[in-house]
Amino acid sequence: MLEPYQKAPDAEVIFSDRAVHRLSNLWIKEPMFLVFLRHFG
């Protein structure tokens, strides 16, 4: 659990084309809206 005002972890994500990106690189140029979905079933 993160403490208040603690920076979020800079995770790596894998895109559908198998390219790996760090989350912090995705919002360098402009703001980003990130949604985490969990598949049930």
N, C-alpha and C. Protein backbone atom coordinates (compact mmCIF):
# COMPACT_ATOMS: atom_id res chain seq x y z
N MET A 1 0.84 -1.18 0.00
CA MET A 1 0.00 0.00 0.00
C MET A 1 0.89 1.24 0.00
N LEU A 2 0.53 2.21 -0.79
CA LEU A 2 1.30 3.45 -0.85
C LEU A 2 0.89 4.39 0.27
N GLU A 3 1.85 5.13 0.73
CA GLU A 3 1.60 6.17 1.73
C GLU A 3 1.09 7.41 1.02
N PRO A 4 0.38 8.29 1.71
CA PRO A 4 -0.08 9.54 1.07
C PRO A 4 1.09 10.31 0.47
N TYR A 5 0.90 10.84 -0.70
CA TYR A 5 1.87 11.63 -1.46
C TYR A 5 3.09 10.84 -1.94
N GLN A 6 3.05 9.54 -1.83
CA GLN A 6 4.13 8.71 -2.35
C GLN A 6 3.92 8.51 -3.84
N LYS A 7 5.00 8.55 -4.61
CA LYS A 7 4.88 8.35 -6.05
C LYS A 7 4.42 6.93 -6.37
N ALA A 8 3.62 6.81 -7.40
CA ALA A 8 3.17 5.49 -7.85
C ALA A 8 4.34 4.74 -8.48
N PRO A 9 4.36 3.43 -8.41
CA PRO A 9 5.42 2.66 -9.06
C PRO A 9 5.44 2.91 -10.57
N ASP A 10 6.62 2.93 -11.13
CA ASP A 10 6.77 3.12 -12.58
C ASP A 10 6.86 1.75 -13.23
N ALA A 11 5.72 1.17 -13.49
CA ALA A 11 5.66 -0.20 -14.01
C ALA A 11 5.91 -0.25 -15.51
N GLU A 12 6.25 -1.43 -15.98
CA GLU A 12 6.35 -1.68 -17.41
C GLU A 12 5.05 -2.35 -17.86
N VAL A 13 4.57 -1.95 -19.02
CA VAL A 13 3.36 -2.55 -19.58
C VAL A 13 3.69 -3.15 -20.94
N ILE A 14 2.98 -4.19 -21.29
CA ILE A 14 3.18 -4.86 -22.58
C ILE A 14 1.96 -4.58 -23.44
N PHE A 15 2.18 -3.97 -24.60
CA PHE A 15 1.10 -3.65 -25.51
C PHE A 15 0.73 -4.88 -26.33
N SER A 16 -0.38 -4.79 -27.05
CA SER A 16 -0.86 -5.92 -27.85
C SER A 16 0.12 -6.33 -28.95
N ASP A 17 1.01 -5.40 -29.36
CA ASP A 17 2.01 -5.75 -30.38
C ASP A 17 3.30 -6.27 -29.74
N ARG A 18 3.24 -6.58 -28.44
CA ARG A 18 4.34 -7.11 -27.64
C ARG A 18 5.44 -6.10 -27.33
N ALA A 19 5.22 -4.83 -27.62
CA ALA A 19 6.18 -3.78 -27.27
C ALA A 19 6.06 -3.48 -25.78
N VAL A 20 7.21 -3.32 -25.12
CA VAL A 20 7.25 -3.04 -23.69
C VAL A 20 7.52 -1.55 -23.49
N HIS A 21 6.71 -0.90 -22.65
CA HIS A 21 6.85 0.53 -22.38
C HIS A 21 6.77 0.77 -20.88
N ARG A 22 7.49 1.77 -20.40
CA ARG A 22 7.36 2.21 -19.01
C ARG A 22 6.20 3.20 -18.96
N LEU A 23 5.37 3.11 -17.92
CA LEU A 23 4.22 4.00 -17.80
C LEU A 23 4.63 5.47 -17.83
N SER A 24 5.73 5.81 -17.20
CA SER A 24 6.15 7.22 -17.14
C SER A 24 6.48 7.77 -18.53
N ASN A 25 6.86 6.94 -19.47
CA ASN A 25 7.16 7.42 -20.83
C ASN A 25 5.90 7.71 -21.63
N LEU A 26 4.76 7.17 -21.21
CA LEU A 26 3.54 7.32 -21.98
C LEU A 26 2.88 8.68 -21.79
N TRP A 27 3.16 9.37 -20.69
CA TRP A 27 2.52 10.67 -20.46
C TRP A 27 3.51 11.84 -20.48
N ILE A 28 4.66 11.65 -21.11
CA ILE A 28 5.65 12.72 -21.21
C ILE A 28 5.12 13.89 -22.05
N LYS A 29 4.50 13.60 -23.19
CA LYS A 29 4.05 14.64 -24.11
C LYS A 29 2.70 15.23 -23.74
N GLU A 30 1.80 14.42 -23.19
CA GLU A 30 0.45 14.89 -22.87
C GLU A 30 -0.13 14.03 -21.75
N PRO A 31 -1.18 14.51 -21.10
CA PRO A 31 -1.80 13.72 -20.03
C PRO A 31 -2.34 12.39 -20.56
N MET A 32 -2.46 11.44 -19.66
CA MET A 32 -2.92 10.11 -20.03
C MET A 32 -3.99 9.66 -19.05
N PHE A 33 -4.99 8.97 -19.54
CA PHE A 33 -6.03 8.37 -18.72
C PHE A 33 -5.80 6.87 -18.73
N LEU A 34 -5.52 6.29 -17.59
CA LEU A 34 -5.17 4.88 -17.49
C LEU A 34 -6.29 4.13 -16.77
N VAL A 35 -6.75 3.04 -17.36
CA VAL A 35 -7.82 2.24 -16.78
C VAL A 35 -7.32 0.81 -16.63
N PHE A 36 -7.52 0.24 -15.45
CA PHE A 36 -7.18 -1.15 -15.22
C PHE A 36 -8.48 -1.96 -15.22
N LEU A 37 -8.55 -2.94 -16.07
CA LEU A 37 -9.72 -3.82 -16.14
C LEU A 37 -9.33 -5.21 -15.69
N ARG A 38 -10.22 -5.83 -14.96
CA ARG A 38 -9.98 -7.19 -14.54
C ARG A 38 -11.01 -8.09 -15.20
N HIS A 39 -10.55 -9.15 -15.80
CA HIS A 39 -11.44 -10.08 -16.49
C HIS A 39 -12.00 -11.09 -15.50
N PHE A 40 -13.30 -11.18 -15.41
CA PHE A 40 -13.96 -12.16 -14.54
C PHE A 40 -14.60 -13.23 -15.41
N GLY A 41 -14.03 -14.41 -15.40
CA GLY A 41 -14.70 -15.47 -16.14
C GLY A 41 -13.87 -16.26 -16.98
